Amino acid sequence: MTLDDPLIEEAYRVLAERPGFLIRRLHQIHVAMFMEECAEFNMTPVQYSVLTALVDRPDLDQVTLGAQIGIDRTTTAGVLARLAERGLIQRRASPVDKRMKLAAITAEGRKLLRRMDKKAQRAHDRTIAPLPKEDRAVFLRYLLHLVDASNGYGRAPLHLP
């Protein structure tokens, strides 16, 4: 399907020229692929991102963790609660500030990530598979550039370590 295809209705043609519409649609497609590939693990892409972020950075507080993957405080709290219920992370009060909760991945969480990695990567690969191989890295660089250039507009700006 291309934009100059006479079978495409004008309304869709207008939507198909809007980057936000296409990015949202691609995100929906990717989530569906991730859920299909990783169905046996009962894990969302956001939960997978949280566990991944905790692998090399144990004892992150909720605010920092959310900032490192671009999710807000409320979402972070809910994700951490669900992961803790499953024994995939541990939460404890900060020794410096008892109001602050720290999160760390457990051995069970690490084991699950190792089991998921190939299937999650397959979902990522499938998302960009329709592009010619030589264009995939360029596409990812462009996405990173767009995110980086406009990051401050997000509800929860991404702050990579």
N, C-alpha and C. Protein backbone atom coordinates (compact mmCIF):
# COMPACT_ATOMS: atom_id res chain seq x y z
N MET A 1 0.85 -1.16 0.00
CA MET A 1 0.00 0.00 0.00
C MET A 1 0.90 1.24 0.00
N THR A 2 0.61 2.17 -0.86
CA THR A 2 1.34 3.44 -0.91
C THR A 2 0.34 4.57 -0.92
N LEU A 3 0.82 5.76 -0.60
CA LEU A 3 -0.08 6.92 -0.53
C LEU A 3 -0.68 7.29 -1.87
N ASP A 4 -0.02 6.92 -2.97
CA ASP A 4 -0.57 7.26 -4.29
C ASP A 4 -1.49 6.17 -4.85
N ASP A 5 -1.75 5.15 -4.05
CA ASP A 5 -2.65 4.08 -4.46
C ASP A 5 -4.07 4.64 -4.58
N PRO A 6 -4.72 4.49 -5.74
CA PRO A 6 -6.06 5.05 -5.92
C PRO A 6 -7.11 4.41 -5.02
N LEU A 7 -6.80 3.26 -4.44
CA LEU A 7 -7.77 2.59 -3.57
C LEU A 7 -7.80 3.19 -2.16
N ILE A 8 -6.80 3.99 -1.83
CA ILE A 8 -6.77 4.59 -0.51
C ILE A 8 -7.72 5.79 -0.49
N GLU A 9 -8.63 5.76 0.46
CA GLU A 9 -9.57 6.87 0.58
C GLU A 9 -8.85 8.13 1.03
N GLU A 10 -9.41 9.26 0.66
CA GLU A 10 -8.80 10.55 1.00
C GLU A 10 -8.61 10.71 2.51
N ALA A 11 -9.59 10.29 3.31
CA ALA A 11 -9.48 10.44 4.76
C ALA A 11 -8.26 9.68 5.28
N TYR A 12 -8.05 8.48 4.78
CA TYR A 12 -6.89 7.71 5.22
C TYR A 12 -5.62 8.36 4.71
N ARG A 13 -5.65 8.88 3.51
CA ARG A 13 -4.47 9.54 2.95
C ARG A 13 -4.04 10.69 3.87
N VAL A 14 -5.00 11.44 4.38
CA VAL A 14 -4.70 12.54 5.29
C VAL A 14 -4.07 11.99 6.57
N LEU A 15 -4.65 10.94 7.14
CA LEU A 15 -4.08 10.34 8.36
C LEU A 15 -2.68 9.79 8.10
N ALA A 16 -2.50 9.18 6.95
CA ALA A 16 -1.22 8.55 6.62
C ALA A 16 -0.11 9.57 6.40
N GLU A 17 -0.45 10.82 6.34
CA GLU A 17 0.57 11.87 6.21
C GLU A 17 0.89 12.51 7.56
N ARG A 18 0.29 12.01 8.62
CA ARG A 18 0.51 12.54 9.97
C ARG A 18 1.47 11.64 10.73
N PRO A 19 2.67 12.15 11.05
CA PRO A 19 3.65 11.31 11.76
C PRO A 19 3.12 10.75 13.08
N GLY A 20 2.39 11.56 13.85
CA GLY A 20 1.87 11.09 15.14
C GLY A 20 0.95 9.91 14.98
N PHE A 21 0.07 9.97 13.97
CA PHE A 21 -0.84 8.86 13.70
C PHE A 21 -0.05 7.60 13.38
N LEU A 22 0.95 7.72 12.52
CA LEU A 22 1.72 6.56 12.10
C LEU A 22 2.58 6.00 13.23
N ILE A 23 3.15 6.88 14.04
CA ILE A 23 3.96 6.42 15.18
C ILE A 23 3.08 5.68 16.18
N ARG A 24 1.90 6.23 16.47
CA ARG A 24 0.98 5.56 17.39
C ARG A 24 0.57 4.20 16.84
N ARG A 25 0.30 4.15 15.54
CA ARG A 25 -0.11 2.88 14.92
C ARG A 25 1.03 1.87 14.96
N LEU A 26 2.25 2.31 14.68
CA LEU A 26 3.40 1.40 14.74
C LEU A 26 3.61 0.90 16.16
N HIS A 27 3.40 1.76 17.14
CA HIS A 27 3.51 1.33 18.54
C HIS A 27 2.48 0.25 18.85
N GLN A 28 1.24 0.44 18.39
CA GLN A 28 0.20 -0.58 18.61
C GLN A 28 0.61 -1.91 17.97
N ILE A 29 1.15 -1.84 16.79
CA ILE A 29 1.59 -3.04 16.08
C ILE A 29 2.72 -3.72 16.85
N HIS A 30 3.68 -2.92 17.31
CA HIS A 30 4.80 -3.50 18.06
C HIS A 30 4.32 -4.17 19.35
N VAL A 31 3.43 -3.50 20.08
CA VAL A 31 2.92 -4.09 21.33
C VAL A 31 2.24 -5.42 21.03
N ALA A 32 1.45 -5.47 19.96
CA ALA A 32 0.79 -6.73 19.59
C ALA A 32 1.82 -7.82 19.28
N MET A 33 2.88 -7.46 18.56
CA MET A 33 3.93 -8.43 18.24
C MET A 33 4.66 -8.88 19.50
N PHE A 34 4.95 -7.94 20.39
CA PHE A 34 5.61 -8.28 21.65
C PHE A 34 4.74 -9.23 22.46
N MET A 35 3.47 -8.91 22.58
CA MET A 35 2.56 -9.75 23.37
C MET A 35 2.43 -11.15 22.74
N GLU A 36 2.45 -11.22 21.44
CA GLU A 36 2.39 -12.51 20.76
C GLU A 36 3.66 -13.31 21.02
N GLU A 37 4.80 -12.69 20.83
CA GLU A 37 6.08 -13.39 21.02
C GLU A 37 6.30 -13.79 22.48
N CYS A 38 5.86 -12.95 23.40
CA CYS A 38 6.17 -13.15 24.82
C CYS A 38 4.95 -13.57 25.64
N ALA A 39 3.93 -14.09 25.00
CA ALA A 39 2.68 -14.45 25.68
C ALA A 39 2.90 -15.37 26.87
N GLU A 40 3.80 -16.32 26.75
CA GLU A 40 4.01 -17.30 27.81
C GLU A 40 4.56 -16.68 29.10
N PHE A 41 5.09 -15.46 29.01
CA PHE A 41 5.72 -14.82 30.16
C PHE A 41 4.80 -13.88 30.91
N ASN A 42 3.63 -13.58 30.36
CA ASN A 42 2.66 -12.69 31.00
C ASN A 42 3.34 -11.37 31.42
N MET A 43 3.97 -10.74 30.45
CA MET A 43 4.77 -9.54 30.70
C MET A 43 4.47 -8.50 29.62
N THR A 44 4.26 -7.26 30.04
CA THR A 44 4.03 -6.18 29.08
C THR A 44 5.38 -5.60 28.65
N PRO A 45 5.41 -4.86 27.54
CA PRO A 45 6.66 -4.21 27.15
C PRO A 45 7.20 -3.26 28.22
N VAL A 46 6.32 -2.54 28.92
CA VAL A 46 6.78 -1.62 29.96
C VAL A 46 7.39 -2.40 31.12
N GLN A 47 6.77 -3.49 31.52
CA GLN A 47 7.33 -4.31 32.60
C GLN A 47 8.70 -4.86 32.18
N TYR A 48 8.81 -5.28 30.94
CA TYR A 48 10.08 -5.79 30.42
C TYR A 48 11.14 -4.69 30.45
N SER A 49 10.76 -3.47 30.10
CA SER A 49 11.69 -2.33 30.13
C SER A 49 12.14 -2.04 31.55
N VAL A 50 11.23 -2.10 32.50
CA VAL A 50 11.59 -1.86 33.91
C VAL A 50 12.60 -2.90 34.38
N LEU A 51 12.33 -4.17 34.12
CA LEU A 51 13.28 -5.21 34.53
C LEU A 51 14.63 -5.00 33.86
N THR A 52 14.61 -4.67 32.57
CA THR A 52 15.85 -4.44 31.84
C THR A 52 16.64 -3.30 32.46
N ALA A 53 15.95 -2.22 32.82
CA ALA A 53 16.63 -1.06 33.42
C ALA A 53 17.25 -1.42 34.76
N LEU A 54 16.64 -2.34 35.49
CA LEU A 54 17.14 -2.70 36.83
C LEU A 54 18.31 -3.67 36.80
N VAL A 55 18.56 -4.30 35.66
CA VAL A 55 19.64 -5.29 35.60
C VAL A 55 20.98 -4.68 35.98
N ASP A 56 21.32 -3.56 35.39
CA ASP A 56 22.62 -2.95 35.64
C ASP A 56 22.57 -1.83 36.67
N ARG A 57 21.37 -1.49 37.14
CA ARG A 57 21.23 -0.39 38.07
C ARG A 57 20.33 -0.80 39.24
N PRO A 58 20.86 -1.59 40.16
CA PRO A 58 20.03 -2.01 41.29
C PRO A 58 19.77 -0.85 42.25
N ASP A 59 18.74 -1.00 43.02
CA ASP A 59 18.38 -0.02 44.04
C ASP A 59 18.10 1.37 43.48
N LEU A 60 17.37 1.39 42.38
CA LEU A 60 16.92 2.66 41.82
C LEU A 60 15.64 3.08 42.51
N ASP A 61 15.54 4.39 42.76
CA ASP A 61 14.28 4.88 43.31
C ASP A 61 13.27 4.99 42.18
N GLN A 62 12.01 5.03 42.55
CA GLN A 62 10.90 5.02 41.60
C GLN A 62 10.97 6.18 40.60
N VAL A 63 11.30 7.37 41.06
CA VAL A 63 11.35 8.54 40.18
C VAL A 63 12.46 8.40 39.15
N THR A 64 13.64 7.99 39.59
CA THR A 64 14.78 7.82 38.68
C THR A 64 14.50 6.71 37.68
N LEU A 65 13.96 5.61 38.16
CA LEU A 65 13.63 4.50 37.28
C LEU A 65 12.64 4.93 36.20
N GLY A 66 11.58 5.61 36.60
CA GLY A 66 10.60 6.09 35.62
C GLY A 66 11.23 7.00 34.59
N ALA A 67 12.12 7.89 35.04
CA ALA A 67 12.79 8.82 34.13
C ALA A 67 13.70 8.09 33.16
N GLN A 68 14.30 6.99 33.60
CA GLN A 68 15.22 6.27 32.73
C GLN A 68 14.52 5.49 31.62
N ILE A 69 13.23 5.26 31.77
CA ILE A 69 12.51 4.59 30.68
C ILE A 69 11.33 5.42 30.17
N GLY A 70 11.18 6.62 30.70
CA GLY A 70 10.17 7.54 30.17
C GLY A 70 8.74 7.22 30.57
N ILE A 71 8.54 6.81 31.82
CA ILE A 71 7.17 6.60 32.30
C ILE A 71 6.96 7.43 33.57
N ASP A 72 5.72 7.83 33.80
CA ASP A 72 5.43 8.70 34.94
C ASP A 72 5.43 7.92 36.25
N ARG A 73 5.37 8.68 37.34
CA ARG A 73 5.44 8.10 38.70
C ARG A 73 4.35 7.08 38.97
N THR A 74 3.13 7.43 38.59
CA THR A 74 2.00 6.54 38.87
C THR A 74 2.14 5.22 38.12
N THR A 75 2.50 5.31 36.85
CA THR A 75 2.70 4.09 36.06
C THR A 75 3.84 3.27 36.65
N THR A 76 4.93 3.94 37.00
CA THR A 76 6.08 3.24 37.59
C THR A 76 5.66 2.50 38.86
N ALA A 77 4.91 3.16 39.72
CA ALA A 77 4.48 2.54 40.98
C ALA A 77 3.64 1.29 40.71
N GLY A 78 2.72 1.37 39.77
CA GLY A 78 1.87 0.23 39.44
C GLY A 78 2.66 -0.93 38.86
N VAL A 79 3.58 -0.62 37.96
CA VAL A 79 4.42 -1.66 37.35
C VAL A 79 5.27 -2.33 38.42
N LEU A 80 5.88 -1.54 39.28
CA LEU A 80 6.72 -2.11 40.34
C LEU A 80 5.91 -2.99 41.28
N ALA A 81 4.71 -2.57 41.61
CA ALA A 81 3.86 -3.38 42.50
C ALA A 81 3.56 -4.74 41.86
N ARG A 82 3.23 -4.73 40.56
CA ARG A 82 2.93 -6.00 39.88
C ARG A 82 4.16 -6.90 39.78
N LEU A 83 5.31 -6.30 39.50
CA LEU A 83 6.55 -7.10 39.42
C LEU A 83 6.93 -7.65 40.80
N ALA A 84 6.72 -6.87 41.84
CA ALA A 84 7.02 -7.33 43.20
C ALA A 84 6.10 -8.49 43.58
N GLU A 85 4.82 -8.40 43.22
CA GLU A 85 3.87 -9.49 43.51
C GLU A 85 4.34 -10.80 42.90
N ARG A 86 4.99 -10.72 41.75
CA ARG A 86 5.47 -11.92 41.06
C ARG A 86 6.85 -12.35 41.54
N GLY A 87 7.44 -11.60 42.45
CA GLY A 87 8.77 -11.93 42.97
C GLY A 87 9.89 -11.61 42.00
N LEU A 88 9.64 -10.73 41.03
CA LEU A 88 10.64 -10.40 40.02
C LEU A 88 11.52 -9.22 40.43
N ILE A 89 11.01 -8.44 41.39
CA ILE A 89 11.80 -7.35 41.97
C ILE A 89 11.58 -7.36 43.47
N GLN A 90 12.47 -6.68 44.18
CA GLN A 90 12.30 -6.43 45.61
C GLN A 90 12.23 -4.92 45.79
N ARG A 91 11.42 -4.50 46.73
CA ARG A 91 11.33 -3.07 47.06
C ARG A 91 11.67 -2.91 48.53
N ARG A 92 12.38 -1.83 48.82
CA ARG A 92 12.71 -1.54 50.20
C ARG A 92 12.83 -0.03 50.37
N ALA A 93 12.69 0.40 51.58
CA ALA A 93 12.84 1.83 51.88
C ALA A 93 14.31 2.22 51.76
N SER A 94 14.56 3.41 51.29
CA SER A 94 15.91 3.94 51.19
C SER A 94 16.46 4.18 52.59
N PRO A 95 17.71 3.80 52.83
CA PRO A 95 18.30 4.08 54.15
C PRO A 95 18.49 5.58 54.38
N VAL A 96 18.54 6.35 53.31
CA VAL A 96 18.75 7.79 53.40
C VAL A 96 17.44 8.54 53.61
N ASP A 97 16.40 8.10 52.91
CA ASP A 97 15.09 8.76 52.97
C ASP A 97 14.02 7.68 53.02
N LYS A 98 13.46 7.44 54.17
CA LYS A 98 12.50 6.35 54.36
C LYS A 98 11.25 6.50 53.49
N ARG A 99 10.97 7.70 53.01
CA ARG A 99 9.80 7.89 52.13
C ARG A 99 10.07 7.35 50.73
N MET A 100 11.34 7.21 50.39
CA MET A 100 11.73 6.78 49.05
C MET A 100 11.85 5.26 49.00
N LYS A 101 11.18 4.65 48.01
CA LYS A 101 11.28 3.21 47.81
C LYS A 101 12.33 2.91 46.75
N LEU A 102 13.17 1.93 47.02
CA LEU A 102 14.18 1.49 46.07
C LEU A 102 13.75 0.15 45.48
N ALA A 103 14.07 -0.07 44.22
CA ALA A 103 13.71 -1.33 43.55
C ALA A 103 14.96 -2.01 43.05
N ALA A 104 14.98 -3.33 43.16
CA ALA A 104 16.10 -4.14 42.65
C ALA A 104 15.52 -5.40 42.03
N ILE A 105 16.12 -5.84 40.95
CA ILE A 105 15.67 -7.07 40.29
C ILE A 105 16.14 -8.26 41.14
N THR A 106 15.31 -9.28 41.20
CA THR A 106 15.66 -10.49 41.95
C THR A 106 16.30 -11.51 41.00
N ALA A 107 16.82 -12.57 41.58
CA ALA A 107 17.39 -13.66 40.76
C ALA A 107 16.31 -14.22 39.84
N GLU A 108 15.08 -14.32 40.35
CA GLU A 108 13.97 -14.81 39.53
C GLU A 108 13.68 -13.85 38.37
N GLY A 109 13.78 -12.56 38.63
CA GLY A 109 13.58 -11.56 37.57
C GLY A 109 14.65 -11.66 36.50
N ARG A 110 15.90 -11.85 36.92
CA ARG A 110 17.00 -12.02 35.96
C ARG A 110 16.81 -13.27 35.11
N LYS A 111 16.38 -14.32 35.77
CA LYS A 111 16.15 -15.59 35.05
C LYS A 111 15.05 -15.41 34.00
N LEU A 112 13.98 -14.73 34.38
CA LEU A 112 12.88 -14.50 33.44
C LEU A 112 13.36 -13.65 32.26
N LEU A 113 14.12 -12.61 32.52
CA LEU A 113 14.65 -11.78 31.43
C LEU A 113 15.48 -12.60 30.45
N ARG A 114 16.34 -13.45 30.98
CA ARG A 114 17.16 -14.29 30.10
C ARG A 114 16.29 -15.19 29.23
N ARG A 115 15.21 -15.72 29.82
CA ARG A 115 14.30 -16.58 29.05
C ARG A 115 13.54 -15.77 28.00
N MET A 116 13.26 -14.52 28.29
CA MET A 116 12.46 -13.67 27.39
C MET A 116 13.27 -13.01 26.28
N ASP A 117 14.55 -12.80 26.51
CA ASP A 117 15.34 -11.95 25.63
C ASP A 117 15.21 -12.26 24.14
N LYS A 118 15.34 -13.51 23.76
CA LYS A 118 15.27 -13.85 22.33
C LYS A 118 13.89 -13.56 21.75
N LYS A 119 12.86 -13.87 22.51
CA LYS A 119 11.50 -13.63 22.00
C LYS A 119 11.18 -12.14 21.95
N ALA A 120 11.62 -11.39 22.93
CA ALA A 120 11.41 -9.94 22.90
C ALA A 120 12.18 -9.33 21.73
N GLN A 121 13.40 -9.80 21.52
CA GLN A 121 14.18 -9.29 20.39
C GLN A 121 13.51 -9.63 19.07
N ARG A 122 12.89 -10.79 19.01
CA ARG A 122 12.17 -11.16 17.79
C ARG A 122 11.03 -10.19 17.52
N ALA A 123 10.34 -9.74 18.57
CA ALA A 123 9.28 -8.74 18.39
C ALA A 123 9.86 -7.43 17.86
N HIS A 124 10.99 -7.00 18.41
CA HIS A 124 11.64 -5.78 17.93
C HIS A 124 12.05 -5.95 16.46
N ASP A 125 12.63 -7.09 16.15
CA ASP A 125 13.06 -7.35 14.77
C ASP A 125 11.87 -7.37 13.81
N ARG A 126 10.80 -8.00 14.23
CA ARG A 126 9.60 -8.05 13.39
C ARG A 126 9.03 -6.66 13.12
N THR A 127 9.14 -5.78 14.11
CA THR A 127 8.60 -4.43 13.97
C THR A 127 9.25 -3.70 12.80
N ILE A 128 10.55 -3.89 12.61
CA ILE A 128 11.24 -3.17 11.54
C ILE A 128 11.60 -4.06 10.35
N ALA A 129 11.19 -5.32 10.39
CA ALA A 129 11.51 -6.27 9.33
C ALA A 129 11.04 -5.83 7.94
N PRO A 130 9.91 -5.12 7.80
CA PRO A 130 9.51 -4.70 6.45
C PRO A 130 10.48 -3.71 5.79
N LEU A 131 11.34 -3.07 6.57
CA LEU A 131 12.33 -2.16 5.99
C LEU A 131 13.47 -2.96 5.39
N PRO A 132 14.07 -2.45 4.32
CA PRO A 132 15.28 -3.11 3.81
C PRO A 132 16.35 -3.12 4.91
N LYS A 133 17.13 -4.19 4.97
CA LYS A 133 18.14 -4.32 6.03
C LYS A 133 19.02 -3.08 6.17
N GLU A 134 19.41 -2.53 5.04
CA GLU A 134 20.32 -1.38 5.08
C GLU A 134 19.66 -0.12 5.63
N ASP A 135 18.33 -0.09 5.73
CA ASP A 135 17.62 1.08 6.25
C ASP A 135 17.25 0.98 7.73
N ARG A 136 17.37 -0.20 8.31
CA ARG A 136 16.91 -0.40 9.69
C ARG A 136 17.69 0.42 10.71
N ALA A 137 19.00 0.42 10.62
CA ALA A 137 19.82 1.19 11.56
C ALA A 137 19.56 2.69 11.38
N VAL A 138 19.38 3.11 10.13
CA VAL A 138 19.08 4.52 9.86
C VAL A 138 17.74 4.89 10.48
N PHE A 139 16.74 4.04 10.31
CA PHE A 139 15.42 4.28 10.89
C PHE A 139 15.52 4.44 12.41
N LEU A 140 16.26 3.55 13.05
CA LEU A 140 16.42 3.63 14.51
C LEU A 140 17.15 4.91 14.92
N ARG A 141 18.16 5.31 14.14
CA ARG A 141 18.85 6.58 14.44
C ARG A 141 17.89 7.75 14.31
N TYR A 142 17.03 7.73 13.29
CA TYR A 142 16.04 8.80 13.13
C TYR A 142 15.05 8.81 14.29
N LEU A 143 14.59 7.66 14.71
CA LEU A 143 13.68 7.60 15.86
C LEU A 143 14.36 8.18 17.10
N LEU A 144 15.58 7.77 17.35
CA LEU A 144 16.32 8.27 18.50
C LEU A 144 16.49 9.79 18.41
N HIS A 145 16.78 10.27 17.22
CA HIS A 145 16.92 11.72 17.02
C HIS A 145 15.61 12.45 17.34
N LEU A 146 14.50 11.92 16.85
CA LEU A 146 13.20 12.54 17.10
C LEU A 146 12.87 12.54 18.59
N VAL A 147 13.11 11.43 19.25
CA VAL A 147 12.85 11.34 20.69
C VAL A 147 13.74 12.32 21.45
N ASP A 148 15.01 12.33 21.11
CA ASP A 148 15.95 13.20 21.81
C ASP A 148 15.62 14.67 21.58
N ALA A 149 15.28 15.04 20.37
CA ALA A 149 15.02 16.44 20.04
C ALA A 149 13.76 16.98 20.71
N SER A 150 12.79 16.13 20.94
CA SER A 150 11.51 16.59 21.50
C SER A 150 11.18 15.98 22.85
N ASN A 151 12.16 15.39 23.49
CA ASN A 151 11.96 14.66 24.74
C ASN A 151 11.26 15.48 25.82
N GLY A 152 11.56 16.75 25.90
CA GLY A 152 10.98 17.59 26.94
C GLY A 152 9.48 17.76 26.85
N TYR A 153 8.90 17.45 25.70
CA TYR A 153 7.45 17.59 25.54
C TYR A 153 6.69 16.41 26.12
N GLY A 154 7.37 15.32 26.39
CA GLY A 154 6.71 14.13 26.91
C GLY A 154 6.19 14.33 28.31
N ARG A 155 5.15 13.61 28.65
CA ARG A 155 4.57 13.64 30.00
C ARG A 155 5.60 13.17 31.01
N ALA A 156 6.44 12.24 30.59
CA ALA A 156 7.51 11.72 31.44
C ALA A 156 8.76 11.65 30.60
N PRO A 157 9.52 12.75 30.55
CA PRO A 157 10.72 12.77 29.69
C PRO A 157 11.69 11.64 30.03
N LEU A 158 12.31 11.13 29.00
CA LEU A 158 13.29 10.06 29.12
C LEU A 158 14.62 10.65 29.50
N HIS A 159 15.27 10.10 30.52
CA HIS A 159 16.59 10.55 30.96
C HIS A 159 17.48 9.32 31.04
N LEU A 160 18.21 9.06 29.97
CA LEU A 160 19.09 7.89 29.96
C LEU A 160 20.27 8.13 30.88
N PRO A 161 20.73 7.06 31.54
CA PRO A 161 21.87 7.21 32.47
C PRO A 161 23.16 7.55 31.73
